[in-house]
Amino acid sequence: MAAMRSEEMWQAKAACRGPQSDVFFPPEHVERREDRDGREEAAKAICRSCAVRRPCLDYALSIREPHGIWGGLNELERKQLLDQRAG
């Protein structure tokens, strides 16, 4: 078995792995606001119990991930966090 890189190690422990992973990204069709809010809240609830939430968020911030819920934050929340850090 090949050695895992450090960024892959936290991913293997992520609570979002598995059949519920579809709530972390928007569907291919247009999504109503209330549907999006419900989907995002379901994803964030999974994140709240995740042992690797911080490395996940750090990764998303470092690569400027433009889509989905990462580390318990959506796209806009991550952008706001980056803006705050920038000053």
C-alpha atoms as a PDB file:
ATOM      1  CA  MET A   1       0.000   0.000   0.000  1.00  0.00           C
ATOM      2  CA  ALA A   2       1.375   3.404  -0.934  1.00  0.00           C
ATOM      3  CA  ALA A   3       1.999   5.947   1.795  1.00  0.00           C
ATOM      4  CA  MET A   4      -0.663   8.636   2.107  1.00  0.00           C
ATOM      5  CA  ARG A   5       0.291  12.278   1.793  1.00  0.00           C
ATOM      6  CA  SER A   6      -0.604  14.405   4.833  1.00  0.00           C
ATOM      7  CA  GLU A   7      -3.532  16.079   3.069  1.00  0.00           C
ATOM      8  CA  GLU A   8      -4.960  12.660   2.272  1.00  0.00           C
ATOM      9  CA  MET A   9      -4.638  11.456   5.866  1.00  0.00           C
ATOM     10  CA  TRP A  10      -7.193  13.919   7.250  1.00  0.00           C
ATOM     11  CA  GLN A  11      -9.490  13.231   4.289  1.00  0.00           C
ATOM     12  CA  ALA A  12      -9.577   9.530   5.188  1.00  0.00           C
ATOM     13  CA  LYS A  13     -10.919  10.479   8.642  1.00  0.00           C
ATOM     14  CA  ALA A  14     -13.515  12.992   7.415  1.00  0.00           C
ATOM     15  CA  ALA A  15     -17.103  12.572   8.619  1.00  0.00           C
ATOM     16  CA  CYS A  16     -18.380  13.657   5.196  1.00  0.00           C
ATOM     17  CA  ARG A  17     -17.145  10.516   3.463  1.00  0.00           C
ATOM     18  CA  GLY A  18     -19.859   8.189   2.299  1.00  0.00           C
ATOM     19  CA  PRO A  19     -23.421   8.436   1.044  1.00  0.00           C
ATOM     20  CA  GLN A  20     -24.186  11.725   2.812  1.00  0.00           C
ATOM     21  CA  SER A  21     -21.452  13.530   0.879  1.00  0.00           C
ATOM     22  CA  ASP A  22     -23.947  14.898  -1.656  1.00  0.00           C
ATOM     23  CA  VAL A  23     -25.134  17.539   0.842  1.00  0.00           C
ATOM     24  CA  PHE A  24     -21.742  19.253   0.763  1.00  0.00           C
ATOM     25  CA  PHE A  25     -22.042  20.497  -2.816  1.00  0.00           C
ATOM     26  CA  PRO A  26     -24.901  22.079  -4.755  1.00  0.00           C
ATOM     27  CA  PRO A  27     -26.836  19.928  -7.212  1.00  0.00           C
ATOM     28  CA  GLU A  28     -26.379  20.327 -10.962  1.00  0.00           C
ATOM     29  CA  HIS A  29     -29.834  21.913 -11.290  1.00  0.00           C
ATOM     30  CA  VAL A  30     -30.937  25.298  -9.942  1.00  0.00           C
ATOM     31  CA  GLU A  31     -31.497  25.089  -6.209  1.00  0.00           C
ATOM     32  CA  ARG A  32     -34.136  27.110  -4.356  1.00  0.00           C
ATOM     33  CA  ARG A  33     -32.801  29.180  -1.484  1.00  0.00           C
ATOM     34  CA  GLU A  34     -34.658  27.200   1.198  1.00  0.00           C
ATOM     35  CA  ASP A  35     -33.389  23.938  -0.316  1.00  0.00           C
ATOM     36  CA  ARG A  36     -29.828  25.284  -0.305  1.00  0.00           C
ATOM     37  CA  ASP A  37     -30.152  26.486   3.281  1.00  0.00           C
ATOM     38  CA  GLY A  38     -31.415  23.056   4.386  1.00  0.00           C
ATOM     39  CA  ARG A  39     -28.700  21.207   2.463  1.00  0.00           C
ATOM     40  CA  GLU A  40     -25.981  23.459   3.867  1.00  0.00           C
ATOM     41  CA  GLU A  41     -27.286  23.080   7.429  1.00  0.00           C
ATOM     42  CA  ALA A  42     -27.261  19.283   7.039  1.00  0.00           C
ATOM     43  CA  ALA A  43     -23.638  19.452   5.850  1.00  0.00           C
ATOM     44  CA  LYS A  44     -22.611  21.817   8.648  1.00  0.00           C
ATOM     45  CA  ALA A  45     -24.204  19.481  11.215  1.00  0.00           C
ATOM     46  CA  ILE A  46     -21.945  16.687   9.935  1.00  0.00           C
ATOM     47  CA  CYS A  47     -18.957  19.045  10.131  1.00  0.00           C
ATOM     48  CA  ARG A  48     -19.695  19.945  13.752  1.00  0.00           C
ATOM     49  CA  SER A  49     -19.024  16.354  14.808  1.00  0.00           C
ATOM     50  CA  CYS A  50     -16.025  15.840  12.532  1.00  0.00           C
ATOM     51  CA  ALA A  51     -12.633  15.121  14.088  1.00  0.00           C
ATOM     52  CA  VAL A  52     -10.775  16.718  11.165  1.00  0.00           C
ATOM     53  CA  ARG A  53     -12.855  19.857  10.721  1.00  0.00           C
ATOM     54  CA  ARG A  54      -9.903  22.218  11.199  1.00  0.00           C
ATOM     55  CA  PRO A  55      -7.541  20.580   8.681  1.00  0.00           C
ATOM     56  CA  CYS A  56     -10.426  20.479   6.215  1.00  0.00           C
ATOM     57  CA  LEU A  57     -11.088  24.202   6.609  1.00  0.00           C
ATOM     58  CA  ASP A  58      -7.371  25.014   6.445  1.00  0.00           C
ATOM     59  CA  TYR A  59      -7.091  23.028   3.215  1.00  0.00           C
ATOM     60  CA  ALA A  60     -10.098  24.759   1.626  1.00  0.00           C
ATOM     61  CA  LEU A  61      -8.734  28.166   2.592  1.00  0.00           C
ATOM     62  CA  SER A  62      -5.244  27.366   1.313  1.00  0.00           C
ATOM     63  CA  ILE A  63      -6.494  26.346  -2.129  1.00  0.00           C
ATOM     64  CA  ARG A  64      -9.248  28.990  -2.196  1.00  0.00           C
ATOM     65  CA  GLU A  65     -11.894  26.292  -2.774  1.00  0.00           C
ATOM     66  CA  PRO A  66     -14.791  28.047  -4.552  1.00  0.00           C
ATOM     67  CA  HIS A  67     -17.494  25.427  -4.018  1.00  0.00           C
ATOM     68  CA  GLY A  68     -19.209  23.500  -1.270  1.00  0.00           C
ATOM     69  CA  ILE A  69     -19.089  23.179   2.493  1.00  0.00           C
ATOM     70  CA  TRP A  70     -15.580  22.670   3.854  1.00  0.00           C
ATOM     71  CA  GLY A  71     -14.685  22.713   7.535  1.00  0.00           C
ATOM     72  CA  GLY A  72     -18.209  23.806   8.387  1.00  0.00           C
ATOM     73  CA  LEU A  73     -18.196  26.934   6.213  1.00  0.00           C
ATOM     74  CA  ASN A  74     -19.807  27.664   2.855  1.00  0.00           C
ATOM     75  CA  GLU A  75     -18.201  29.615   0.019  1.00  0.00           C
ATOM     76  CA  LEU A  76     -19.268  33.046   1.265  1.00  0.00           C
ATOM     77  CA  GLU A  77     -18.240  32.319   4.851  1.00  0.00           C
ATOM     78  CA  ARG A  78     -14.790  31.173   3.730  1.00  0.00           C
ATOM     79  CA  LYS A  79     -14.375  34.282   1.587  1.00  0.00           C
ATOM     80  CA  GLN A  80     -15.343  36.490   4.534  1.00  0.00           C
ATOM     81  CA  LEU A  81     -12.845  34.681   6.766  1.00  0.00           C
ATOM     82  CA  LEU A  82     -10.071  35.170   4.207  1.00  0.00           C
ATOM     83  CA  ASP A  83     -10.996  38.856   3.869  1.00  0.00           C
ATOM     84  CA  GLN A  84     -10.859  39.281   7.667  1.00  0.00           C
ATOM     85  CA  ARG A  85      -7.448  37.646   7.817  1.00  0.00           C
ATOM     86  CA  ALA A  86      -6.181  39.894   5.011  1.00  0.00           C
ATOM     87  CA  GLY A  87      -7.021  42.938   7.037  1.00  0.00           C
END
